[in-house]
Protein backbone atom coordinates (compact mmCIF):
# COMPACT_ATOMS: atom_id res chain seq x y z
CA UNK A 1 -305.39 -109.57 -91.49
CA UNK A 2 -305.80 -105.77 -91.29
CA UNK A 3 -304.57 -103.82 -94.30
CA UNK A 4 -301.84 -101.22 -93.82
CA UNK A 5 -303.23 -97.93 -92.56
CA UNK A 6 -303.19 -95.14 -95.17
CA UNK A 7 -301.13 -92.07 -94.41
CA UNK A 8 -303.04 -88.77 -94.31
CA UNK A 9 -300.07 -87.06 -95.95
CA UNK A 10 -299.64 -89.57 -98.76
CA UNK A 11 -296.31 -90.79 -97.34
CA UNK A 12 -295.86 -94.55 -97.64
CA UNK A 13 -293.48 -96.99 -95.98
CA UNK A 14 -292.44 -100.11 -97.83
CA UNK A 15 -289.68 -102.56 -98.61
CA UNK A 16 -287.51 -103.04 -101.67
CA UNK A 17 -286.79 -106.49 -103.07
CA UNK A 18 -285.27 -107.98 -106.21
CA UNK A 19 -286.58 -110.92 -108.21
CA UNK A 20 -283.36 -112.92 -108.52
CA UNK A 21 -282.66 -112.37 -104.83
CA UNK A 22 -286.01 -113.68 -103.57
CA UNK A 23 -287.81 -115.72 -106.24
CA UNK A 24 -285.63 -118.84 -106.49
CA UNK A 25 -285.61 -121.18 -109.45
CA UNK A 26 -282.86 -119.74 -111.64
CA UNK A 27 -279.82 -121.22 -113.37
CA UNK A 28 -280.59 -124.88 -112.67
CA UNK A 29 -281.60 -127.60 -115.14
CA UNK A 30 -284.74 -126.55 -116.97
CA UNK A 31 -284.81 -123.17 -115.20
CA UNK A 32 -284.48 -119.69 -116.70
CA UNK A 33 -280.82 -118.67 -116.93
CA UNK A 34 -279.42 -115.23 -116.26
CA UNK A 35 -275.97 -113.68 -116.39
CA UNK A 36 -275.06 -115.21 -113.00
CA UNK A 37 -275.30 -118.79 -114.28
CA UNK A 38 -271.63 -119.17 -115.27
CA UNK A 39 -270.38 -117.94 -111.90
CA UNK A 40 -272.78 -120.25 -110.07
CA UNK A 41 -271.80 -123.30 -112.13
CA UNK A 42 -268.10 -122.54 -111.69
CA UNK A 43 -268.51 -122.32 -107.91
CA UNK A 44 -267.30 -118.75 -107.90
CA UNK A 45 -270.35 -117.71 -105.87
CA UNK A 46 -272.93 -119.50 -103.78
CA UNK A 47 -275.88 -120.44 -105.97
CA UNK A 48 -279.08 -118.53 -105.28
CA UNK A 49 -281.04 -121.81 -105.22
CA UNK A 50 -284.56 -121.48 -103.81
CA UNK A 51 -283.86 -118.06 -102.25
CA UNK A 52 -287.10 -117.11 -100.44
CA UNK A 53 -289.18 -119.18 -102.90
CA UNK A 54 -291.23 -116.05 -103.60
CA UNK A 55 -292.15 -117.35 -107.06
CA UNK A 56 -294.15 -120.17 -105.48
CA UNK A 57 -295.02 -118.69 -102.07
CA UNK A 58 -295.61 -115.03 -102.80
CA UNK A 59 -298.88 -114.80 -100.87
CA UNK A 60 -297.56 -115.70 -97.38
CA UNK A 61 -294.51 -113.54 -98.02
CA UNK A 62 -296.71 -110.59 -98.96
CA UNK A 63 -298.64 -111.28 -95.75
CA UNK A 64 -295.35 -110.80 -93.91
CA UNK A 65 -294.97 -107.42 -95.60
CA UNK A 66 -298.43 -106.44 -94.37
CA UNK A 67 -297.51 -107.57 -90.85
CA UNK A 68 -294.50 -105.26 -91.02
CA UNK A 69 -296.75 -102.31 -91.87
CA UNK A 70 -295.81 -102.02 -95.55
CA UNK A 71 -297.98 -99.83 -97.75
CA UNK A 72 -295.80 -100.21 -100.84
CA UNK A 73 -293.30 -102.76 -102.12
CA UNK A 74 -290.74 -102.87 -104.89
CA UNK A 75 -290.53 -106.14 -106.77
CA UNK A 76 -288.79 -107.18 -109.97
CA UNK A 77 -290.24 -108.56 -113.14
CA UNK A 78 -287.28 -110.63 -114.25
CA UNK A 79 -286.29 -110.36 -117.89
CA UNK A 80 -284.69 -113.83 -117.94
CA UNK A 81 -287.91 -115.45 -116.76
CA UNK A 82 -290.16 -113.56 -119.18
CA UNK A 83 -287.90 -113.90 -122.24
CA UNK A 84 -285.93 -117.12 -121.68
CA UNK A 85 -284.85 -117.20 -125.35
CA UNK A 86 -284.44 -114.37 -127.84
CA UNK A 87 -287.86 -113.17 -128.94
CA UNK A 88 -289.67 -115.99 -127.13
CA UNK A 89 -291.78 -114.41 -124.41
CA UNK A 90 -293.28 -116.68 -121.76
CA UNK A 91 -296.97 -115.85 -121.36
CA UNK A 92 -297.13 -118.03 -118.27
CA UNK A 93 -294.42 -115.97 -116.55
CA UNK A 94 -296.24 -112.72 -117.33
CA UNK A 95 -299.47 -114.24 -116.01
CA UNK A 96 -297.77 -115.24 -112.76
CA UNK A 97 -296.34 -111.75 -112.31
CA UNK A 98 -299.84 -110.40 -112.94
CA UNK A 99 -301.17 -112.55 -110.10
CA UNK A 100 -298.39 -111.32 -107.83
CA UNK A 101 -299.33 -107.72 -108.58
CA UNK A 102 -303.00 -108.53 -107.98
CA UNK A 103 -302.04 -110.05 -104.63
CA UNK A 104 -300.25 -106.81 -103.73
CA UNK A 105 -303.33 -104.75 -104.51
CA UNK A 106 -305.54 -107.15 -102.57
CA UNK A 107 -303.42 -106.43 -99.50
CA UNK A 108 -303.38 -102.67 -99.91
CA UNK A 109 -299.76 -102.70 -101.08
CA UNK A 110 -298.80 -100.33 -103.90
CA UNK A 111 -296.42 -102.25 -106.22
CA UNK A 112 -293.36 -100.68 -107.81
CA UNK A 113 -291.96 -102.81 -110.63
CA UNK A 114 -288.24 -102.90 -111.40
CA UNK A 115 -287.28 -104.14 -114.87
CA UNK A 116 -283.56 -104.63 -114.30
CA UNK A 117 -281.74 -105.29 -111.04
CA UNK A 118 -278.21 -106.52 -111.85
CA UNK A 119 -279.50 -109.38 -114.03
CA UNK A 120 -280.31 -110.02 -117.67
CA UNK A 121 -280.97 -113.16 -119.75
CA UNK A 122 -277.95 -115.40 -120.15
CA UNK A 123 -278.46 -115.57 -123.91
CA UNK A 124 -277.62 -111.85 -124.20
CA UNK A 125 -274.03 -112.56 -123.16
CA UNK A 126 -271.89 -111.58 -120.20
CA UNK A 127 -270.86 -108.20 -121.67
CA UNK A 128 -274.30 -107.25 -122.92
CA UNK A 129 -274.11 -103.68 -121.63
CA UNK A 130 -271.02 -102.98 -123.74
CA UNK A 131 -273.02 -103.65 -126.92
CA UNK A 132 -274.16 -100.61 -128.90
CA UNK A 133 -277.52 -102.30 -129.40
CA UNK A 134 -278.13 -102.83 -125.67
CA UNK A 135 -280.20 -99.67 -125.03
CA UNK A 136 -282.61 -100.45 -127.88
CA UNK A 137 -282.87 -104.08 -126.82
CA UNK A 138 -283.69 -103.05 -123.26
CA UNK A 139 -286.37 -100.64 -124.50
CA UNK A 140 -288.02 -103.56 -126.32
CA UNK A 141 -288.10 -105.48 -123.04
CA UNK A 142 -289.61 -102.49 -121.22
CA UNK A 143 -292.34 -102.19 -123.85
CA UNK A 144 -293.15 -105.89 -123.56
CA UNK A 145 -293.37 -105.68 -119.76
CA UNK A 146 -295.61 -102.62 -119.90
CA UNK A 147 -297.88 -104.22 -122.49
CA UNK A 148 -298.38 -107.22 -120.22
CA UNK A 149 -298.61 -105.54 -116.82
CA UNK A 150 -299.46 -101.83 -117.11
CA UNK A 151 -303.07 -102.47 -116.06
CA UNK A 152 -301.74 -103.64 -112.68
CA UNK A 153 -298.85 -101.26 -112.10
CA UNK A 154 -298.25 -97.55 -112.50
CA UNK A 155 -294.82 -97.14 -110.85
CA UNK A 156 -291.75 -98.40 -112.71
CA UNK A 157 -288.03 -98.52 -112.00
CA UNK A 158 -286.20 -99.12 -115.27
CA UNK A 159 -282.80 -100.10 -113.90
CA UNK A 160 -281.63 -100.21 -110.30
CA UNK A 161 -278.31 -98.54 -109.43
CA UNK A 162 -276.83 -97.99 -112.88
CA UNK A 163 -273.72 -96.50 -111.28
CA UNK A 164 -273.12 -99.48 -108.98
CA UNK A 165 -273.77 -102.05 -111.71
CA UNK A 166 -271.27 -100.56 -114.14
CA UNK A 167 -268.60 -99.84 -111.54
CA UNK A 168 -268.81 -103.20 -109.77
CA UNK A 169 -268.88 -105.15 -113.03
CA UNK A 170 -266.05 -103.56 -114.98
CA UNK A 171 -263.96 -101.82 -112.33
CA UNK A 172 -264.02 -103.72 -109.02
CA UNK A 173 -264.88 -107.19 -110.46
CA UNK A 174 -267.68 -107.68 -107.94
CA UNK A 175 -270.41 -108.66 -110.42
CA UNK A 176 -270.22 -110.99 -113.43
CA UNK A 177 -268.29 -111.16 -115.66
CA UNK A 178 -265.98 -109.55 -113.09
CA UNK A 179 -263.53 -107.27 -114.86
CA UNK A 180 -260.95 -105.24 -112.94
CA UNK A 181 -260.01 -101.61 -113.61
CA UNK A 182 -261.55 -101.51 -117.11
CA UNK A 183 -262.09 -97.76 -117.13
CA UNK A 184 -263.24 -97.55 -120.74
CA UNK A 185 -265.71 -100.39 -120.31
CA UNK A 186 -267.04 -98.85 -117.09
CA UNK A 187 -267.76 -95.56 -118.84
CA UNK A 188 -269.21 -97.28 -121.91
CA UNK A 189 -271.54 -99.47 -119.86
CA UNK A 190 -272.65 -96.50 -117.76
CA UNK A 191 -273.58 -94.57 -120.88
CA UNK A 192 -275.45 -97.49 -122.39
CA UNK A 193 -277.36 -98.16 -119.18
CA UNK A 194 -278.39 -94.53 -118.90
CA UNK A 195 -279.43 -94.40 -122.56
CA UNK A 196 -281.40 -97.59 -121.96
CA UNK A 197 -283.29 -95.84 -119.17
CA UNK A 198 -284.21 -92.94 -121.46
CA UNK A 199 -285.47 -95.27 -124.21
CA UNK A 200 -287.33 -97.43 -121.67
CA UNK A 201 -288.89 -94.30 -120.15
CA UNK A 202 -290.19 -93.43 -123.60
CA UNK A 203 -291.46 -96.96 -124.22
CA UNK A 204 -293.27 -97.17 -120.88
CA UNK A 205 -294.98 -93.82 -121.35
CA UNK A 206 -296.00 -94.79 -124.87
CA UNK A 207 -297.92 -97.75 -123.45
CA UNK A 208 -299.01 -96.02 -120.21
CA UNK A 209 -299.05 -92.20 -120.45
CA UNK A 210 -299.65 -91.71 -116.71
CA UNK A 211 -296.79 -94.03 -115.67
CA UNK A 212 -294.33 -92.87 -113.01
CA UNK A 213 -290.89 -93.91 -114.24
CA UNK A 214 -287.49 -93.56 -112.58
CA UNK A 215 -284.02 -94.93 -112.18
CA UNK A 216 -281.88 -94.53 -109.08
CA UNK A 217 -278.28 -94.36 -107.96
CA UNK A 218 -276.32 -95.90 -105.13
CA UNK A 219 -275.41 -92.72 -103.26
CA UNK A 220 -271.74 -91.87 -103.68
CA UNK A 221 -269.59 -88.99 -102.45
CA UNK A 222 -267.98 -88.57 -105.88
CA UNK A 223 -270.00 -86.60 -108.42
CA UNK A 224 -268.96 -88.66 -111.46
CA UNK A 225 -270.05 -91.87 -109.73
CA UNK A 226 -273.49 -90.57 -108.73
CA UNK A 227 -275.13 -87.21 -109.40
CA UNK A 228 -273.57 -86.84 -112.87
CA UNK A 229 -276.00 -89.48 -114.14
CA UNK A 230 -279.07 -87.65 -112.86
CA UNK A 231 -277.82 -84.33 -114.19
CA UNK A 232 -277.44 -85.90 -117.64
CA UNK A 233 -281.16 -86.72 -117.44
CA UNK A 234 -282.26 -83.41 -115.92
CA UNK A 235 -280.15 -80.79 -117.71
CA UNK A 236 -282.44 -80.32 -120.70
CA UNK A 237 -285.49 -79.90 -118.46
CA UNK A 238 -283.55 -77.29 -116.48
CA UNK A 239 -283.16 -75.27 -119.70
CA UNK A 240 -279.50 -76.19 -120.24
CA UNK A 241 -278.60 -76.20 -123.92
CA UNK A 242 -276.72 -79.19 -125.21
CA UNK A 243 -273.55 -77.19 -125.93
CA UNK A 244 -273.65 -75.74 -122.39
CA UNK A 245 -274.04 -79.08 -120.64
CA UNK A 246 -270.33 -79.52 -119.92
CA UNK A 247 -269.99 -76.16 -118.15
CA UNK A 248 -273.22 -76.70 -116.23
CA UNK A 249 -272.09 -80.12 -115.04
CA UNK A 250 -268.72 -78.71 -113.98
CA UNK A 251 -270.52 -76.19 -111.77
CA UNK A 252 -272.80 -78.92 -110.45
CA UNK A 253 -269.75 -80.99 -109.55
CA UNK A 254 -268.19 -78.11 -107.61
CA UNK A 255 -271.40 -77.56 -105.65
CA UNK A 256 -271.85 -81.29 -104.99
CA UNK A 257 -268.35 -81.77 -103.62
CA UNK A 258 -268.50 -78.53 -101.60
CA UNK A 259 -271.54 -79.91 -99.75
CA UNK A 260 -269.74 -83.11 -98.73
CA UNK A 261 -266.84 -83.35 -96.26
CA UNK A 262 -263.66 -84.81 -97.73
CA UNK A 263 -260.45 -86.24 -96.36
CA UNK A 264 -257.23 -85.79 -98.38
CA UNK A 265 -257.65 -89.34 -99.71
CA UNK A 266 -261.24 -88.59 -100.73
CA UNK A 267 -260.05 -85.54 -102.68
CA UNK A 268 -257.52 -87.70 -104.50
CA UNK A 269 -260.27 -90.13 -105.51
CA UNK A 270 -262.41 -87.25 -106.73
CA UNK A 271 -259.58 -86.03 -108.97
CA UNK A 272 -259.10 -89.55 -110.32
CA UNK A 273 -262.81 -89.87 -111.08
CA UNK A 274 -262.82 -86.54 -112.89
CA UNK A 275 -260.00 -87.72 -115.14
CA UNK A 276 -261.62 -91.12 -115.67
CA UNK A 277 -264.98 -89.64 -116.64
CA UNK A 278 -264.29 -86.19 -118.14
CA UNK A 279 -267.48 -84.19 -118.38
CA UNK A 280 -267.00 -83.22 -122.03
CA UNK A 281 -266.71 -86.88 -123.07
CA UNK A 282 -269.08 -88.56 -120.64
CA UNK A 283 -272.18 -90.45 -121.67
CA UNK A 284 -272.55 -89.32 -125.31
CA UNK A 285 -275.17 -91.98 -126.10
CA UNK A 286 -277.27 -91.02 -123.08
CA UNK A 287 -277.00 -87.28 -123.74
CA UNK A 288 -278.05 -87.84 -127.35
CA UNK A 289 -281.03 -89.92 -126.17
CA UNK A 290 -282.13 -87.08 -123.89
CA UNK A 291 -281.64 -84.15 -126.25
CA UNK A 292 -282.86 -85.88 -129.42
CA UNK A 293 -285.96 -87.36 -127.79
CA UNK A 294 -289.43 -85.97 -127.10
CA UNK A 295 -289.09 -85.89 -123.31
CA UNK A 296 -287.41 -82.84 -121.82
CA UNK A 297 -287.07 -84.58 -118.45
CA UNK A 298 -287.07 -88.41 -118.72
CA UNK A 299 -287.47 -88.90 -114.98
CA UNK A 300 -290.70 -88.67 -112.97
CA UNK A 301 -289.42 -89.03 -109.41
CA UNK A 302 -286.02 -88.77 -107.72
CA UNK A 303 -284.98 -91.96 -105.93
CA UNK A 304 -282.06 -92.20 -103.52
CA UNK A 305 -280.42 -95.45 -102.40
CA UNK A 306 -278.50 -94.70 -99.21
CA UNK A 307 -276.09 -96.93 -97.32
CA UNK A 308 -272.56 -95.61 -96.80
CA UNK A 309 -271.74 -93.18 -99.60
CA UNK A 310 -268.16 -92.16 -98.71
CA UNK A 311 -266.01 -93.57 -101.52
CA UNK A 312 -262.72 -93.38 -99.64
CA UNK A 313 -264.17 -95.51 -96.83
CA UNK A 314 -264.55 -98.47 -99.20
CA UNK A 315 -260.81 -99.14 -99.43
CA UNK A 316 -259.24 -100.80 -96.41
CA UNK A 317 -255.98 -102.69 -95.70
CA UNK A 318 -256.18 -106.49 -96.11
CA UNK A 319 -256.07 -108.51 -92.92
CA UNK A 320 -258.10 -106.06 -90.91
CA UNK A 321 -260.63 -107.15 -88.29
CA UNK A 322 -264.14 -107.54 -89.62
CA UNK A 323 -267.45 -108.85 -88.33
CA UNK A 324 -266.87 -112.53 -87.63
CA UNK A 325 -263.12 -112.64 -88.29
CA UNK A 326 -260.64 -110.95 -90.61
CA UNK A 327 -260.97 -109.81 -94.19
CA UNK A 328 -258.24 -110.06 -96.82
CA UNK A 329 -260.11 -108.06 -99.42
CA UNK A 330 -258.93 -104.50 -100.20
CA UNK A 331 -262.59 -103.45 -100.15
CA UNK A 332 -264.53 -103.07 -96.93
CA UNK A 333 -267.43 -105.45 -96.35
CA UNK A 334 -270.91 -103.94 -96.21
CA UNK A 335 -271.43 -105.19 -92.65
CA UNK A 336 -268.51 -102.96 -91.63
CA UNK A 337 -270.06 -99.82 -93.11
CA UNK A 338 -270.57 -97.22 -90.38
CA UNK A 339 -274.18 -96.53 -89.50
CA UNK A 340 -274.86 -92.89 -90.35
CA UNK A 341 -278.63 -92.33 -90.52
CA UNK A 342 -278.12 -88.57 -90.08
CA UNK A 343 -276.17 -88.50 -93.35
CA UNK A 344 -279.29 -89.53 -95.24
CA UNK A 345 -280.65 -86.01 -94.84
CA UNK A 346 -277.57 -84.56 -96.55
CA UNK A 347 -278.10 -86.77 -99.62
CA UNK A 348 -281.81 -86.04 -99.75
CA UNK A 349 -280.97 -82.34 -99.89
CA UNK A 350 -278.36 -82.92 -102.59
CA UNK A 351 -280.78 -84.91 -104.75
CA UNK A 352 -283.85 -82.72 -104.31
CA UNK A 353 -285.09 -81.59 -107.71
CA UNK A 354 -287.80 -78.89 -107.93
CA UNK A 355 -291.07 -80.30 -109.22
CA UNK A 356 -290.29 -83.93 -108.47
CA UNK A 357 -291.17 -86.08 -105.48
CA UNK A 358 -288.30 -87.59 -103.55
CA UNK A 359 -288.09 -91.23 -102.48
CA UNK A 360 -285.68 -93.18 -100.34
CA UNK A 361 -285.68 -96.20 -102.63
CA UNK A 362 -283.27 -98.31 -100.56
CA UNK A 363 -281.78 -97.99 -97.10
CA UNK A 364 -280.80 -100.56 -94.52
CA UNK A 365 -278.23 -101.94 -92.09
CA UNK A 366 -276.20 -105.09 -92.64
CA UNK A 367 -274.84 -107.73 -90.34
CA UNK A 368 -273.30 -111.14 -90.97
CA UNK A 369 -274.57 -114.67 -90.44
CA UNK A 370 -272.05 -117.40 -91.23
CA UNK A 371 -272.74 -121.14 -90.84
CA UNK A 372 -275.83 -120.29 -88.81
CA UNK A 373 -273.97 -118.00 -86.40
CA UNK A 374 -275.17 -114.38 -86.25
CA UNK A 375 -272.46 -111.85 -85.41
CA UNK A 376 -273.05 -108.51 -83.74
CA UNK A 377 -271.77 -105.49 -85.61
CA UNK A 378 -268.46 -104.13 -84.39
CA UNK A 379 -270.00 -100.69 -83.81
CA UNK A 380 -272.85 -102.05 -81.64
CA UNK A 381 -275.71 -100.87 -83.87
CA UNK A 382 -278.73 -103.10 -84.47
CA UNK A 383 -281.65 -102.78 -86.87
CA UNK A 384 -284.29 -101.59 -84.39
CA UNK A 385 -282.06 -98.78 -83.20
CA UNK A 386 -281.18 -97.90 -86.79
CA UNK A 387 -284.82 -97.79 -87.92
CA UNK A 388 -285.72 -95.41 -85.10
CA UNK A 389 -282.80 -93.16 -86.02
CA UNK A 390 -283.85 -93.20 -89.68
CA UNK A 391 -287.39 -92.24 -88.72
CA UNK A 392 -286.04 -89.14 -86.99
CA UNK A 393 -284.14 -88.26 -90.17
CA UNK A 394 -287.25 -88.72 -92.33
CA UNK A 395 -289.25 -86.51 -89.99
CA UNK A 396 -286.54 -83.85 -90.19
CA UNK A 397 -286.58 -84.01 -94.01
CA UNK A 398 -290.34 -83.56 -94.17
CA UNK A 399 -290.26 -80.77 -91.59
CA UNK A 400 -287.63 -79.05 -93.73
CA UNK A 401 -290.02 -79.05 -96.67
CA UNK A 402 -288.38 -81.72 -98.81
CA UNK A 403 -291.05 -83.47 -100.97
CA UNK A 404 -290.36 -86.89 -99.47
CA UNK A 405 -293.22 -89.32 -100.16
CA UNK A 406 -291.81 -92.88 -99.97
CA UNK A 407 -289.35 -94.83 -97.86
CA UNK A 408 -288.32 -98.37 -98.86
CA UNK A 409 -286.33 -100.43 -96.38
CA UNK A 410 -283.84 -102.90 -97.81
CA UNK A 411 -285.23 -105.44 -97.32
CA UNK A 412 -288.21 -107.52 -96.16
CA UNK A 413 -286.29 -110.70 -95.31
CA UNK A 414 -282.72 -111.97 -95.50
CA UNK A 415 -282.13 -112.91 -99.12
CA UNK A 416 -279.46 -113.69 -101.68
CA UNK A 417 -276.97 -110.83 -101.62
CA UNK A 418 -275.11 -111.23 -104.91
CA UNK A 419 -273.03 -114.30 -104.28
CA UNK A 420 -273.71 -115.06 -100.64
CA UNK A 421 -276.33 -115.52 -97.95
CA UNK A 422 -274.00 -114.12 -95.27
CA UNK A 423 -275.12 -110.49 -95.70
CA UNK A 424 -278.30 -109.91 -93.70
CA UNK A 425 -280.56 -106.88 -94.22
CA UNK A 426 -284.02 -108.32 -93.55
CA UNK A 427 -286.74 -107.27 -91.15
CA UNK A 428 -287.14 -111.05 -90.81
CA UNK A 429 -284.30 -113.52 -90.46
CA UNK A 430 -284.34 -116.32 -93.04
CA UNK A 431 -281.83 -119.16 -93.07
CA UNK A 432 -281.26 -121.51 -95.98
CA UNK A 433 -281.71 -125.17 -94.98
CA UNK A 434 -281.90 -128.52 -96.76
CA UNK A 435 -285.68 -128.26 -96.44
CA UNK A 436 -285.89 -124.76 -97.88
CA UNK A 437 -285.87 -121.26 -96.38
CA UNK A 438 -286.62 -121.14 -92.64
CA UNK A 439 -288.24 -117.92 -91.42
CA UNK A 440 -287.97 -116.33 -88.00
CA UNK A 441 -290.18 -113.63 -86.51
CA UNK A 442 -287.03 -111.79 -85.44
CA UNK A 443 -284.25 -110.31 -87.53
CA UNK A 444 -280.63 -111.47 -87.64
CA UNK A 445 -279.78 -109.17 -84.71
CA UNK A 446 -282.40 -110.97 -82.60
CA UNK A 447 -284.67 -107.94 -82.49
CA UNK A 448 -288.29 -107.48 -83.51
CA UNK A 449 -287.47 -105.29 -86.50
CA UNK A 450 -290.81 -105.99 -88.20
CA UNK A 451 -292.70 -104.64 -85.18
CA UNK A 452 -290.42 -101.60 -85.06
CA UNK A 453 -291.06 -100.95 -88.74
CA UNK A 454 -294.80 -101.36 -88.32
CA UNK A 455 -294.71 -98.78 -85.54
CA UNK A 456 -292.79 -96.41 -87.86
CA UNK A 457 -295.46 -96.78 -90.55
CA UNK A 458 -298.36 -96.21 -88.16
CA UNK A 459 -296.65 -93.35 -86.38
């Protein structure tokens, strides 16, 4: 099998994945347990089950990534698998992850390792991120992972989508333990997660001085739900004194919102967010970690996760028409998100930071497959068309001079999407059957998305 062709400019195309979503083998008898176990056992969500069985079949799945033209790939090293009980690290799990990373290198795929993607060991408790000790405990995990795997990996993602994890866990009840409108807990968890990134950044660089370490946000049109977190990490490196941080952030918020169109409802949500997360009180633990630490800028690359960032679009009347029927949720389903590949350029501009490379760390288009039936999107978009439109946006960003060096499509193959297998983002369609995951060479839209992506990478 030919290896992916190198890019003369250093730009690389890849896919993003998550361990719990693709590995399989969690939360059953004798299996490592994470914070989703209680919801699975209660029947509140579909169990992840075998997922893509990546843990056992990583080589043929990596071959699929090569076939799709991937030159880089984000994977997770799952905390629950490596530390199934407090202080008891599993050398066998680390060894297996080492072999997976070796298999990436053998195929010419640059691995990016994520240490936390919406999951943590069950023994830490459902509300782990509300604990004052959580940032230090996470830094210990980061140090252990780096000690075991740094010789095979240079690029690290400490925690994926801190903003989405906190908001969906303690405000919209979308992730376990599923709390609703807990404003204080949302802010507290956000601060602890961001402080955990800073401490993990320090721990990773202590083990591997040339490491490239980042976190990323789910792009949002409200400053407090997105860019505020990056500014908390970047202010000191910009020369902002600690006592001036509040005023600097207030100016950053004005500029951020001025660059984004807003309906009257959107402006109301922005005012609510400003009152929920006042800049002079936000993230004290994270700010202290930044300003009291040795690193002026605890972030080595800017990563943007882009789907549909308009906050006011997320709220919709129950009973509305959706892909495959009607929805009674007050929140819009992801497969109803409007396709807006042109908007990606706006968020790349907003997140550009002088001196740092810029990555699109996640981006994709969702449709729905229910009981084996694939539904077309209501707006008529499909993945091949979307990928071609995204390529035009990436070319425009590079032509504009933005330091864009990586693009990661979400995702390689249809996987477990946090409670369901109905959401489909993969370049390859995969259906769950009684005999395990069944792969198709086409995607859930019936198109050859893998071939389209390969052409993007070679072009």
